[in-house]
N, C-alpha and C. Protein backbone atom coordinates (compact mmCIF):
# COMPACT_ATOMS: atom_id res chain seq x y z
N MET A 1 104.63 51.75 80.07
CA MET A 1 103.73 51.65 78.92
C MET A 1 104.29 51.41 77.68
N THR A 2 103.94 50.37 76.73
CA THR A 2 104.51 50.11 75.58
C THR A 2 104.26 50.97 74.66
N THR A 3 105.15 51.41 73.73
CA THR A 3 105.14 52.47 72.85
C THR A 3 105.10 51.72 71.37
N THR A 4 104.81 52.33 70.31
CA THR A 4 104.56 51.81 68.91
C THR A 4 106.09 51.48 68.63
N ALA A 5 107.03 52.30 69.16
CA ALA A 5 108.53 51.89 68.93
C ALA A 5 109.01 50.68 69.52
N ASP A 6 108.37 50.56 70.77
CA ASP A 6 108.61 49.24 71.36
C ASP A 6 108.08 48.13 70.46
N ARG A 7 106.98 48.09 70.09
CA ARG A 7 106.18 47.11 69.09
C ARG A 7 106.83 46.85 67.88
N ALA A 8 107.39 47.97 67.18
CA ALA A 8 108.35 47.99 66.01
C ALA A 8 109.80 47.58 66.28
N ALA A 9 110.15 47.33 67.39
CA ALA A 9 111.56 46.92 67.59
C ALA A 9 111.83 45.51 67.00
N PRO A 10 113.04 44.95 67.03
CA PRO A 10 113.10 43.52 66.45
C PRO A 10 112.68 42.79 67.50
N ARG A 11 112.25 41.41 66.91
CA ARG A 11 111.75 40.51 68.11
C ARG A 11 112.77 39.96 68.98
N ARG A 12 113.82 40.24 68.67
CA ARG A 12 114.89 39.72 69.38
C ARG A 12 116.11 40.90 69.21
N MET A 13 116.44 41.56 70.42
CA MET A 13 117.46 42.50 70.57
C MET A 13 118.75 41.86 70.52
N PRO A 14 119.70 42.35 69.68
CA PRO A 14 121.07 41.66 69.66
C PRO A 14 121.83 42.43 70.85
N THR A 15 122.54 41.52 71.42
CA THR A 15 123.36 41.83 72.68
C THR A 15 124.66 41.78 72.23
N GLN A 16 125.25 40.95 71.62
CA GLN A 16 126.60 40.71 71.51
C GLN A 16 127.13 41.85 70.13
N GLN A 17 128.17 41.97 70.12
CA GLN A 17 128.71 42.88 68.98
C GLN A 17 128.45 42.23 67.71
N ARG A 18 128.74 41.09 67.59
CA ARG A 18 128.61 40.40 66.27
C ARG A 18 127.11 40.36 65.90
N SER A 19 126.15 40.18 66.77
CA SER A 19 124.94 40.10 66.30
C SER A 19 124.49 41.64 65.98
N ARG A 20 124.96 42.49 66.81
CA ARG A 20 124.54 43.83 66.39
C ARG A 20 125.01 44.27 65.06
N GLU A 21 126.29 43.72 64.78
CA GLU A 21 126.85 44.01 63.21
C GLU A 21 125.87 43.22 62.39
N ARG A 22 125.53 42.05 62.50
CA ARG A 22 124.78 41.20 61.76
C ARG A 22 123.24 42.11 61.34
N VAL A 23 122.74 42.59 62.38
CA VAL A 23 121.47 43.14 62.20
C VAL A 23 121.71 44.64 61.47
N GLU A 24 122.79 45.12 61.73
CA GLU A 24 123.13 46.49 60.71
C GLU A 24 123.23 46.12 59.35
N ARG A 25 123.87 45.14 59.17
CA ARG A 25 124.07 44.55 57.66
C ARG A 25 122.72 44.16 57.07
N MET A 26 121.88 43.61 57.70
CA MET A 26 120.70 43.27 57.34
C MET A 26 119.90 44.49 56.88
N LEU A 27 119.80 45.59 57.84
CA LEU A 27 119.25 46.99 57.80
C LEU A 27 119.65 47.69 56.56
N LEU A 28 121.06 47.61 56.40
CA LEU A 28 121.53 48.34 55.29
C LEU A 28 121.20 47.45 53.95
N ALA A 29 121.48 46.26 53.88
CA ALA A 29 120.86 45.62 52.60
C ALA A 29 119.54 45.82 52.43
N ALA A 30 118.68 45.84 53.43
CA ALA A 30 117.16 46.33 52.96
C ALA A 30 117.14 47.99 52.55
N ARG A 31 117.94 48.77 53.19
CA ARG A 31 117.81 50.27 52.58
C ARG A 31 118.11 50.15 51.07
N ASP A 32 119.25 49.38 50.79
CA ASP A 32 119.72 49.33 49.58
C ASP A 32 118.75 48.80 48.26
N ILE A 33 118.08 47.64 48.91
CA ILE A 33 117.01 47.16 47.92
C ILE A 33 116.05 48.19 47.92
N ILE A 34 115.45 48.92 49.18
CA ILE A 34 114.42 49.69 48.84
C ILE A 34 114.72 50.86 48.23
N ALA A 35 115.92 51.44 48.13
CA ALA A 35 116.51 52.56 47.20
C ALA A 35 116.36 52.31 45.70
N ALA A 36 116.69 50.80 45.40
CA ALA A 36 116.46 50.34 43.87
C ALA A 36 115.20 50.02 43.52
N ASP A 37 114.36 49.37 44.49
CA ASP A 37 113.35 48.69 44.06
C ASP A 37 112.13 49.26 44.77
N GLY A 38 112.10 50.11 45.82
CA GLY A 38 111.11 50.45 46.62
C GLY A 38 110.68 49.18 47.63
N THR A 39 109.85 49.86 48.49
CA THR A 39 109.42 48.71 49.64
C THR A 39 108.69 47.51 49.01
N ASP A 40 107.91 47.56 47.80
CA ASP A 40 107.30 46.53 47.19
C ASP A 40 108.08 45.51 46.69
N GLY A 41 109.36 45.98 46.21
CA GLY A 41 110.53 44.98 45.80
C GLY A 41 111.19 44.34 47.04
N LEU A 42 110.96 44.57 48.16
CA LEU A 42 111.73 44.07 49.10
C LEU A 42 111.31 42.65 49.51
N ARG A 43 112.37 41.64 49.62
CA ARG A 43 112.18 40.33 49.73
C ARG A 43 112.75 39.80 50.86
N MET A 44 112.62 38.86 51.75
CA MET A 44 113.20 38.45 52.85
C MET A 44 114.47 37.78 52.61
N ALA A 45 114.54 36.81 51.38
CA ALA A 45 115.47 36.18 50.96
C ALA A 45 116.48 36.99 50.28
N GLN A 46 115.88 38.00 49.59
CA GLN A 46 116.96 39.05 48.87
C GLN A 46 117.82 39.69 49.92
N VAL A 47 116.98 40.04 51.25
CA VAL A 47 118.04 40.94 52.31
C VAL A 47 118.81 39.88 52.87
N ALA A 48 118.24 38.68 53.09
CA ALA A 48 119.38 37.79 53.78
C ALA A 48 120.76 37.61 52.83
N GLU A 49 120.48 37.39 51.48
CA GLU A 49 121.57 37.09 50.52
C GLU A 49 122.37 38.14 50.50
N ARG A 50 121.98 39.48 50.43
CA ARG A 50 122.57 40.91 50.13
C ARG A 50 123.48 40.98 51.59
N ALA A 51 122.88 40.68 52.71
CA ALA A 51 123.58 40.87 54.02
C ALA A 51 124.60 39.69 54.31
N GLY A 52 124.44 38.72 53.42
CA GLY A 52 125.41 37.77 53.87
C GLY A 52 125.22 37.04 55.05
N VAL A 53 123.85 36.67 55.37
CA VAL A 53 123.36 36.04 56.67
C VAL A 53 122.44 34.75 56.14
N PRO A 54 122.39 33.80 57.13
CA PRO A 54 121.42 32.66 56.76
C PRO A 54 119.89 33.31 56.92
N ILE A 55 118.95 32.86 56.06
CA ILE A 55 117.75 33.21 56.06
C ILE A 55 116.97 33.08 57.47
N GLY A 56 117.58 32.01 58.17
CA GLY A 56 117.20 31.67 59.43
C GLY A 56 117.50 32.76 60.48
N SER A 57 118.75 33.32 60.32
CA SER A 57 119.14 34.47 61.20
C SER A 57 118.52 35.77 60.93
N LEU A 58 118.07 35.94 59.75
CA LEU A 58 117.10 37.00 59.54
C LEU A 58 115.91 37.01 60.18
N TYR A 59 115.23 35.97 59.96
CA TYR A 59 114.00 35.57 60.70
C TYR A 59 114.05 35.56 62.35
N GLN A 60 115.33 35.24 62.75
CA GLN A 60 115.41 35.56 64.32
C GLN A 60 115.18 36.63 64.92
N PHE A 61 115.31 37.89 64.05
CA PHE A 61 115.06 39.22 64.37
C PHE A 61 113.96 39.85 63.84
N PHE A 62 113.60 39.56 62.42
CA PHE A 62 112.34 40.19 61.87
C PHE A 62 111.62 39.25 61.26
N PRO A 63 110.35 39.02 61.76
CA PRO A 63 109.56 38.08 61.16
C PRO A 63 109.05 38.27 59.91
N ASP A 64 108.93 39.40 59.39
CA ASP A 64 108.56 39.67 58.00
C ASP A 64 109.08 40.91 57.65
N LYS A 65 108.74 41.27 56.20
CA LYS A 65 109.67 42.52 55.75
C LYS A 65 108.87 43.81 56.38
N ALA A 66 107.70 43.64 56.76
CA ALA A 66 107.04 44.91 57.50
C ALA A 66 107.82 45.19 58.85
N ALA A 67 108.46 44.01 59.31
CA ALA A 67 109.08 44.48 60.71
C ALA A 67 110.47 45.15 60.33
N ILE A 68 111.07 44.88 59.09
CA ILE A 68 112.18 45.53 58.81
C ILE A 68 111.91 46.84 58.36
N ILE A 69 110.75 47.10 57.69
CA ILE A 69 110.52 48.68 57.24
C ILE A 69 110.34 49.42 58.45
N ARG A 70 109.48 48.77 59.42
CA ARG A 70 109.28 49.53 60.61
C ARG A 70 110.43 50.04 61.22
N MET A 71 111.27 49.11 61.35
CA MET A 71 112.67 49.15 62.22
C MET A 71 113.33 50.50 61.42
N LEU A 72 113.22 50.50 59.95
CA LEU A 72 114.24 51.52 59.27
C LEU A 72 113.24 52.94 59.67
N ALA A 73 111.87 52.86 59.56
CA ALA A 73 111.16 54.07 60.10
C ALA A 73 111.60 54.65 61.17
N MET A 74 111.78 53.59 62.33
CA MET A 74 111.90 54.00 63.75
C MET A 74 113.44 54.68 63.89
N ARG A 75 114.42 54.26 62.74
CA ARG A 75 115.77 54.82 62.72
C ARG A 75 115.52 56.19 62.28
N CYS A 76 114.60 56.28 61.19
CA CYS A 76 114.69 57.89 60.71
C CYS A 76 113.87 58.65 61.67
N ASN A 77 112.82 58.33 62.34
CA ASN A 77 112.33 59.05 63.56
C ASN A 77 113.34 59.50 64.37
N GLU A 78 114.22 58.50 64.88
CA GLU A 78 115.34 58.97 65.89
C GLU A 78 116.09 60.01 65.35
N GLU A 79 116.52 60.01 63.89
CA GLU A 79 117.52 60.91 63.47
C GLU A 79 116.86 62.19 63.33
N SER A 80 115.38 62.28 63.11
CA SER A 80 114.64 63.22 62.84
C SER A 80 114.44 64.20 64.23
N ARG A 81 114.34 63.40 65.15
CA ARG A 81 114.14 63.75 66.54
C ARG A 81 115.36 64.65 67.07
N ALA A 82 116.41 63.88 66.75
CA ALA A 82 117.77 64.67 67.27
C ALA A 82 117.93 65.84 66.56
N CYS A 83 117.89 65.75 65.27
CA CYS A 83 117.74 67.09 64.42
C CYS A 83 116.89 68.32 64.85
N ILE A 84 115.80 67.75 65.27
CA ILE A 84 114.79 68.79 65.86
C ILE A 84 115.08 69.61 67.20
N ARG A 85 115.67 68.52 67.93
CA ARG A 85 116.18 68.97 69.28
C ARG A 85 117.30 69.65 69.12
N ALA A 86 118.60 69.41 68.35
CA ALA A 86 119.40 70.11 68.08
C ALA A 86 119.16 71.56 67.19
N GLY A 87 118.18 71.84 66.52
CA GLY A 87 117.74 72.91 65.91
C GLY A 87 117.04 73.85 66.94
N LEU A 88 116.35 73.43 67.79
CA LEU A 88 115.44 74.11 68.88
C LEU A 88 116.18 74.60 69.97
N GLU A 89 117.33 73.70 70.33
CA GLU A 89 117.89 73.95 71.44
C GLU A 89 118.39 75.43 71.87
N PRO A 90 118.96 76.05 70.83
CA PRO A 90 119.63 77.11 70.98
C PRO A 90 118.61 78.45 70.92
N VAL A 91 117.03 78.22 70.55
CA VAL A 91 116.30 79.29 70.48
C VAL A 91 116.22 80.03 71.73
N ALA A 92 116.00 81.34 71.64
CA ALA A 92 116.25 82.02 72.97
C ALA A 92 114.91 83.46 72.83
N ASP A 93 114.42 83.33 71.68
CA ASP A 93 113.36 84.42 71.34
C ASP A 93 112.49 84.08 70.21
N GLU A 94 111.42 85.01 69.89
CA GLU A 94 110.71 84.74 68.73
C GLU A 94 111.16 84.63 67.57
N ALA A 95 111.76 85.54 67.39
CA ALA A 95 112.78 85.76 66.07
C ALA A 95 113.65 84.36 65.93
N GLY A 96 114.49 84.02 66.75
CA GLY A 96 115.04 82.77 66.79
C GLY A 96 114.18 81.40 66.48
N LEU A 97 113.14 81.35 67.05
CA LEU A 97 112.01 80.34 67.03
C LEU A 97 111.69 80.23 65.36
N LEU A 98 111.08 81.23 64.79
CA LEU A 98 110.90 81.16 63.37
C LEU A 98 112.13 80.97 62.71
N ALA A 99 113.22 81.47 62.79
CA ALA A 99 114.36 80.99 62.05
C ALA A 99 114.58 79.65 62.11
N ALA A 100 114.73 79.03 63.28
CA ALA A 100 114.97 77.74 63.48
C ALA A 100 114.00 76.74 62.84
N PHE A 101 112.68 77.01 63.14
CA PHE A 101 111.77 76.06 62.53
C PHE A 101 111.90 76.19 61.12
N GLY A 102 112.01 77.43 60.52
CA GLY A 102 111.97 77.45 59.04
C GLY A 102 113.03 76.74 58.48
N ALA A 103 114.37 76.87 59.24
CA ALA A 103 115.44 75.98 58.53
C ALA A 103 115.07 74.48 58.67
N LEU A 104 114.52 74.02 59.86
CA LEU A 104 114.17 72.73 59.99
C LEU A 104 113.28 72.07 59.13
N ILE A 105 112.26 72.99 58.39
CA ILE A 105 111.43 72.48 57.61
C ILE A 105 111.98 72.36 56.13
N ASP A 106 113.10 73.45 55.83
CA ASP A 106 113.94 73.24 54.50
C ASP A 106 114.70 71.78 54.61
N GLU A 107 115.41 71.82 55.83
CA GLU A 107 116.09 70.54 56.07
C GLU A 107 115.61 69.37 55.85
N TYR A 108 114.31 69.20 56.47
CA TYR A 108 113.49 67.98 56.21
C TYR A 108 113.01 67.56 55.05
N TYR A 109 112.55 68.79 54.08
CA TYR A 109 112.14 68.45 53.06
C TYR A 109 113.12 68.23 52.20
N GLY A 110 114.40 68.56 52.33
CA GLY A 110 115.72 68.20 51.68
C GLY A 110 115.92 66.59 51.73
N LEU A 111 115.75 66.21 53.01
CA LEU A 111 115.91 64.74 53.21
C LEU A 111 114.90 64.00 52.61
N PHE A 112 113.61 64.26 52.66
CA PHE A 112 112.72 63.55 51.97
C PHE A 112 112.89 63.44 50.39
N ARG A 113 113.29 64.52 49.92
CA ARG A 113 113.57 64.73 48.38
C ARG A 113 114.82 63.71 48.05
N ALA A 114 115.74 63.87 49.02
CA ALA A 114 117.05 63.24 48.51
C ALA A 114 117.27 61.67 48.88
N ASP A 115 116.60 61.16 50.03
CA ASP A 115 116.60 59.80 50.44
C ASP A 115 115.51 59.06 49.98
N PRO A 116 115.52 58.25 48.76
CA PRO A 116 114.39 57.30 48.38
C PRO A 116 113.92 56.48 49.42
N VAL A 117 114.65 55.93 50.11
CA VAL A 117 114.23 55.12 51.34
C VAL A 117 113.12 55.86 52.31
N ILE A 118 113.55 56.92 52.74
CA ILE A 118 112.68 57.49 53.67
C ILE A 118 111.16 57.87 52.79
N SER A 119 111.45 58.67 51.59
CA SER A 119 110.03 58.76 50.89
C SER A 119 109.34 57.59 50.48
N ASP A 120 109.85 56.36 50.36
CA ASP A 120 109.22 55.13 49.92
C ASP A 120 108.47 54.63 51.04
N ILE A 121 109.29 54.52 52.15
CA ILE A 121 108.68 54.06 53.47
C ILE A 121 107.37 54.95 53.95
N TRP A 122 107.41 56.27 53.92
CA TRP A 122 106.54 57.17 54.57
C TRP A 122 105.32 57.36 53.64
N SER A 123 105.59 57.24 52.19
CA SER A 123 104.66 57.63 51.20
C SER A 123 103.74 56.20 51.28
N GLY A 124 104.16 55.11 51.73
CA GLY A 124 103.28 53.98 51.72
C GLY A 124 102.85 53.68 53.20
N MET A 125 102.97 54.65 54.05
CA MET A 125 102.46 54.15 55.32
C MET A 125 101.18 53.90 55.74
N GLN A 126 100.22 54.48 54.84
CA GLN A 126 98.84 54.28 55.30
C GLN A 126 98.43 52.75 55.04
N ALA A 127 99.16 52.01 54.44
CA ALA A 127 98.80 50.50 54.43
C ALA A 127 99.25 49.62 55.49
N ASP A 128 99.88 50.61 56.68
CA ASP A 128 100.48 49.52 57.80
C ASP A 128 100.02 50.50 59.17
N LYS A 129 99.08 49.95 59.70
CA LYS A 129 98.51 50.40 61.12
C LYS A 129 99.52 50.83 62.05
N LEU A 130 100.71 50.11 62.05
CA LEU A 130 101.58 50.40 63.14
C LEU A 130 102.35 51.49 62.76
N LEU A 131 102.65 51.53 61.38
CA LEU A 131 103.19 52.82 60.96
C LEU A 131 102.59 54.07 61.23
N ARG A 132 101.35 53.96 60.99
CA ARG A 132 100.42 55.09 61.37
C ARG A 132 100.43 55.67 62.74
N GLU A 133 100.34 54.52 63.57
CA GLU A 133 100.27 54.69 64.82
C GLU A 133 101.61 55.35 65.36
N MET A 134 102.74 54.89 64.60
CA MET A 134 104.03 55.28 64.96
C MET A 134 104.15 57.10 64.67
N GLU A 135 103.54 57.32 63.43
CA GLU A 135 103.61 58.58 63.13
C GLU A 135 103.02 59.78 63.94
N VAL A 136 101.72 59.21 64.38
CA VAL A 136 101.10 60.02 65.42
C VAL A 136 101.97 60.20 66.66
N GLU A 137 102.49 59.01 67.21
CA GLU A 137 103.35 59.15 68.45
C GLU A 137 104.71 60.00 68.16
N GLU A 138 105.07 59.93 66.97
CA GLU A 138 106.44 60.77 66.78
C GLU A 138 106.01 62.22 66.67
N SER A 139 104.73 62.51 66.08
CA SER A 139 104.38 63.86 65.84
C SER A 139 104.11 64.45 67.44
N ARG A 140 103.76 63.47 68.50
CA ARG A 140 103.55 64.01 69.81
C ARG A 140 104.98 64.21 70.42
N LEU A 141 105.93 63.24 70.24
CA LEU A 141 107.36 63.67 70.88
C LEU A 141 107.93 64.82 70.09
N ASN A 142 107.88 64.95 68.94
CA ASN A 142 108.50 66.21 68.30
C ASN A 142 107.65 67.39 68.65
N GLY A 143 106.40 67.49 68.80
CA GLY A 143 105.57 68.71 69.18
C GLY A 143 106.01 68.69 70.84
N ARG A 144 106.30 67.89 71.66
CA ARG A 144 106.73 68.37 72.84
C ARG A 144 107.93 69.03 72.81
N LEU A 145 108.74 68.68 71.92
CA LEU A 145 110.11 69.51 71.73
C LEU A 145 109.85 70.91 71.39
N LEU A 146 108.85 70.98 70.39
CA LEU A 146 108.52 72.42 70.05
C LEU A 146 107.87 73.04 71.11
N ALA A 147 106.80 72.40 71.80
CA ALA A 147 106.13 73.06 72.93
C ALA A 147 107.01 73.55 74.21
N ASP A 148 107.98 72.88 74.25
CA ASP A 148 108.96 73.07 75.22
C ASP A 148 109.79 74.47 74.98
N THR A 149 109.98 74.50 73.65
CA THR A 149 110.73 75.72 73.22
C THR A 149 109.79 77.01 73.46
N ILE A 150 108.53 76.66 73.04
CA ILE A 150 107.63 77.81 72.97
C ILE A 150 107.45 78.31 74.43
N ARG A 151 107.41 77.47 75.35
CA ARG A 151 107.11 77.82 76.59
C ARG A 151 108.38 78.43 77.18
N ARG A 152 109.43 78.00 76.77
CA ARG A 152 110.62 78.87 77.12
C ARG A 152 110.67 80.23 76.84
N ILE A 153 110.14 80.76 75.61
CA ILE A 153 110.35 82.16 75.32
C ILE A 153 108.97 82.69 75.48
N ARG A 154 107.86 81.99 75.90
CA ARG A 154 106.58 82.65 76.20
C ARG A 154 106.00 81.84 77.41
N PRO A 155 106.85 82.24 78.61
CA PRO A 155 106.29 81.62 79.89
C PRO A 155 104.83 81.77 80.26
N GLY A 156 104.24 82.92 79.86
CA GLY A 156 102.68 83.13 80.13
C GLY A 156 101.90 82.36 79.04
N ALA A 157 102.18 81.86 78.17
CA ALA A 157 101.38 81.05 77.17
C ALA A 157 100.47 79.96 78.01
N ASP A 158 99.20 79.83 77.44
CA ASP A 158 98.57 78.77 77.93
C ASP A 158 99.04 77.35 77.72
N PRO A 159 99.39 76.38 78.54
CA PRO A 159 99.95 75.27 78.26
C PRO A 159 99.18 74.30 77.23
N ALA A 160 97.95 74.12 77.53
CA ALA A 160 96.96 73.44 76.68
C ALA A 160 97.13 73.75 75.11
N ASP A 161 97.06 75.18 75.05
CA ASP A 161 96.95 75.71 73.71
C ASP A 161 98.46 75.29 72.90
N VAL A 162 99.40 75.67 73.80
CA VAL A 162 100.94 75.35 73.31
C VAL A 162 101.07 73.94 72.78
N GLU A 163 100.53 73.05 73.72
CA GLU A 163 100.85 71.63 73.35
C GLU A 163 99.98 71.27 72.07
N ALA A 164 98.54 71.67 72.08
CA ALA A 164 97.97 71.48 70.78
C ALA A 164 98.49 71.91 69.48
N THR A 165 98.90 73.33 69.63
CA THR A 165 99.42 74.21 68.45
C THR A 165 100.89 73.43 68.04
N ALA A 166 101.67 72.93 69.00
CA ALA A 166 102.93 72.26 68.58
C ALA A 166 102.66 70.80 68.15
N PHE A 167 101.66 70.12 68.58
CA PHE A 167 101.39 68.82 67.89
C PHE A 167 100.95 68.97 66.69
N LEU A 168 100.01 69.63 66.20
CA LEU A 168 99.33 69.85 64.91
C LEU A 168 100.37 70.46 64.03
N VAL A 169 101.28 71.38 64.44
CA VAL A 169 102.26 71.81 63.59
C VAL A 169 103.21 70.72 62.82
N MET A 170 103.43 69.91 63.89
CA MET A 170 104.28 68.98 63.55
C MET A 170 103.94 67.78 62.84
N HIS A 171 102.36 67.43 63.22
CA HIS A 171 101.60 66.33 62.42
C HIS A 171 101.61 66.77 61.10
N LEU A 172 101.14 68.01 61.18
CA LEU A 172 100.81 68.60 59.70
C LEU A 172 102.10 68.77 58.69
N GLY A 173 103.22 68.79 59.27
CA GLY A 173 104.49 68.76 58.73
C GLY A 173 104.87 67.51 57.90
N GLU A 174 104.62 66.50 58.81
CA GLU A 174 104.83 65.15 58.33
C GLU A 174 103.81 64.70 57.09
N ALA A 175 102.64 65.29 57.10
CA ALA A 175 101.63 64.88 56.12
C ALA A 175 101.95 65.62 54.95
N THR A 176 102.49 66.84 55.05
CA THR A 176 103.04 67.68 53.93
C THR A 176 104.04 67.21 53.36
N MET A 177 104.92 66.55 54.04
CA MET A 177 106.28 66.19 53.29
C MET A 177 105.75 65.00 52.51
N ARG A 178 105.04 64.11 53.06
CA ARG A 178 104.49 62.87 52.16
C ARG A 178 103.73 63.36 51.04
N LEU A 179 102.93 64.35 50.97
CA LEU A 179 102.15 64.75 49.98
C LEU A 179 103.11 65.30 48.87
N ALA A 180 104.06 66.22 49.35
CA ALA A 180 105.01 66.80 48.51
C ALA A 180 105.77 66.01 47.57
N ILE A 181 106.24 64.73 48.23
CA ILE A 181 107.04 63.91 47.57
C ILE A 181 106.14 63.02 46.45
N ALA A 182 104.96 63.04 46.68
CA ALA A 182 103.96 62.35 45.83
C ALA A 182 103.48 62.90 44.67
N VAL A 183 103.86 64.18 44.39
CA VAL A 183 103.30 65.09 43.07
C VAL A 183 104.63 65.64 42.64
N PRO A 184 104.46 66.25 41.36
CA PRO A 184 105.64 66.70 40.63
C PRO A 184 106.38 67.60 41.61
N PRO A 185 107.64 67.65 41.43
CA PRO A 185 108.75 68.59 42.35
C PRO A 185 108.17 70.03 42.44
N GLU A 186 107.98 70.63 41.34
CA GLU A 186 107.39 72.13 41.48
C GLU A 186 106.25 72.42 42.36
N GLU A 187 105.23 71.46 42.02
CA GLU A 187 104.07 71.36 43.08
C GLU A 187 104.36 71.13 44.46
N GLY A 188 105.34 70.17 44.64
CA GLY A 188 105.73 69.79 45.89
C GLY A 188 106.45 70.95 46.57
N ASP A 189 107.24 71.59 45.86
CA ASP A 189 107.77 72.79 46.58
C ASP A 189 106.75 73.87 46.86
N ARG A 190 105.75 74.15 46.15
CA ARG A 190 104.77 75.14 46.53
C ARG A 190 104.03 74.57 47.54
N LEU A 191 103.57 73.18 47.86
CA LEU A 191 102.98 72.75 48.96
C LEU A 191 103.86 73.03 50.25
N VAL A 192 105.19 72.75 50.39
CA VAL A 192 106.00 72.80 51.36
C VAL A 192 106.38 74.46 51.53
N ALA A 193 106.26 75.37 50.51
CA ALA A 193 106.38 76.70 50.97
C ALA A 193 105.06 77.15 51.60
N THR A 194 103.97 76.76 51.09
CA THR A 194 102.69 77.13 51.89
C THR A 194 102.31 76.48 53.14
N TYR A 195 102.91 75.40 53.41
CA TYR A 195 103.17 74.86 55.02
C TYR A 195 103.87 75.63 55.87
N ARG A 196 105.07 76.07 55.19
CA ARG A 196 106.01 76.97 56.12
C ARG A 196 105.53 78.20 56.24
N ARG A 197 104.72 78.90 55.38
CA ARG A 197 104.02 80.11 55.89
C ARG A 197 102.97 79.94 56.83
N MET A 198 102.29 78.83 56.66
CA MET A 198 101.20 78.61 57.70
C MET A 198 101.77 78.25 59.10
N ALA A 199 102.65 77.56 59.06
CA ALA A 199 103.52 77.02 60.56
C ALA A 199 104.02 78.35 61.03
N LEU A 200 104.70 79.04 60.27
CA LEU A 200 105.38 80.25 60.99
C LEU A 200 104.47 81.28 61.28
N GLU A 201 103.49 81.47 60.89
CA GLU A 201 102.33 82.32 61.29
C GLU A 201 101.88 81.83 62.51
N ALA A 202 101.51 80.66 62.45
CA ALA A 202 101.03 79.98 63.73
C ALA A 202 102.01 80.20 64.91
N LEU A 203 103.29 79.86 64.78
CA LEU A 203 104.29 79.97 65.90
C LEU A 203 104.71 81.51 66.13
N ALA A 204 104.22 82.33 65.13
CA ALA A 204 104.44 83.93 65.39
C ALA A 204 103.42 84.32 66.54
N GLY A 205 102.24 83.58 66.53
CA GLY A 205 101.25 83.88 67.51
C GLY A 205 99.96 84.27 66.77
N SER A 206 99.61 83.95 65.73
CA SER A 206 98.47 84.20 65.00
C SER A 206 97.50 82.82 65.19
N SER A 207 98.17 81.76 66.00
CA SER A 207 97.49 80.56 66.05
C SER A 207 96.72 80.60 67.69
N PRO A 208 95.86 79.57 67.91
CA PRO A 208 95.64 79.24 69.46
C PRO A 208 96.73 79.55 70.62
N VAL A 209 97.89 79.46 70.13
CA VAL A 209 99.15 79.58 71.21
C VAL A 209 98.93 80.70 72.17
N THR A 210 98.41 81.87 71.50
CA THR A 210 97.96 83.12 72.14
C THR A 210 96.68 83.71 72.09
N GLN A 211 95.83 83.11 71.42
CA GLN A 211 94.46 83.43 71.25
C GLN A 211 93.58 82.54 72.22
N PRO A 212 92.47 83.18 72.95
CA PRO A 212 91.84 82.52 73.74
C PRO A 212 90.92 81.47 72.89
N ALA A 213 90.49 80.60 73.57
CA ALA A 213 89.65 79.70 72.95
C ALA A 213 88.17 80.06 72.56
N PRO A 214 87.47 79.75 71.74
CA PRO A 214 86.05 80.35 71.49
C PRO A 214 85.16 79.97 72.51
N ALA A 215 84.09 80.62 73.02
CA ALA A 215 83.16 80.20 73.86
C ALA A 215 82.36 79.02 73.08
N PRO A 216 82.02 77.94 74.09
CA PRO A 216 81.30 77.09 73.72
C PRO A 216 79.75 77.37 73.07
N SER A 217 79.23 76.63 72.08
CA SER A 217 78.07 76.87 71.33
C SER A 217 77.15 77.04 72.42
N GLY A 218 76.38 78.20 72.06
CA GLY A 218 75.26 78.46 73.02
C GLY A 218 75.56 79.14 74.50
N SER A 219 76.51 79.54 74.69
CA SER A 219 77.10 80.08 75.89
C SER A 219 76.95 81.49 75.72
N HIS A 220 76.92 82.33 76.79
CA HIS A 220 76.92 83.75 76.57
C HIS A 220 78.05 84.29 77.35
N PRO A 221 78.60 85.51 77.06
CA PRO A 221 79.61 86.05 77.89
C PRO A 221 79.10 86.40 79.19
N ALA A 222 79.96 86.43 80.08
CA ALA A 222 79.86 86.71 81.51
C ALA A 222 79.61 88.22 81.74
N GLY A 223 78.97 88.62 82.82
CA GLY A 223 78.67 90.00 82.77
C GLY A 223 77.44 90.49 82.63
C-alpha cells in the first residue's frame, strides 16, 4: 500500500553517495532559506544556488518547492517518531507512562519553539492536502507506539478503546503545538499546559481507555 510518505519522497531516490550528498545539500539549503524567510520565501533557483547544484539537478529530485517542504516534513516526522519510541520504550507502569509522556510533550513543544523550520512547515500545512494526510498518518503511527505501551502495562484494556484514545491524544498534540506557536508565547504555554493536563488525565484512565462505551441511542439495558 502506498503511504503519504511514499508520495512525499523525492521523484528520484539517490542511490550513489555523490547523489545522496547532493540531495542533502539541497535540503540543508532549503532549511536555511525557510529559517530566514519562511516557506513563502522559498524559491527553487535560490535553493539550487545555495546548494551549489545546477537547477536541473534540483528538478531531477524535487519537481517544485512543495516537494522539498514535504520531504523536510517527512524528516521531522521520522525524528519525532524515533524520539517518541525512545521515550516510551522503558515504560513499565502507570507512573512511568505519565512521566514519559509528560516529558515528550515538553520536549516536542521545545522543538517547535526553537526550530523555525518545523514551526513554519506545520503552521502552513492546511494549504497542502498531502501534508494534511501525512499528519493524520503520522498521528496513527505515533498513536500505535503509545497504544503498544498502554497495552503493555494494561493487558486487560479494550484494544479498540486503547487505539482510539492513543490516536486522538497524538493527533490533538500535533494540533495543539501548531496552535501554540501561532499565538503569543505566554498563551501558547497555557495551551500546551492545558493539553498536557488533558492528555495525562486520559492516559491515567479517565478516558475511554478504561471506561465502557455508552449504549447506542434508544437502546435499553439488558436484564
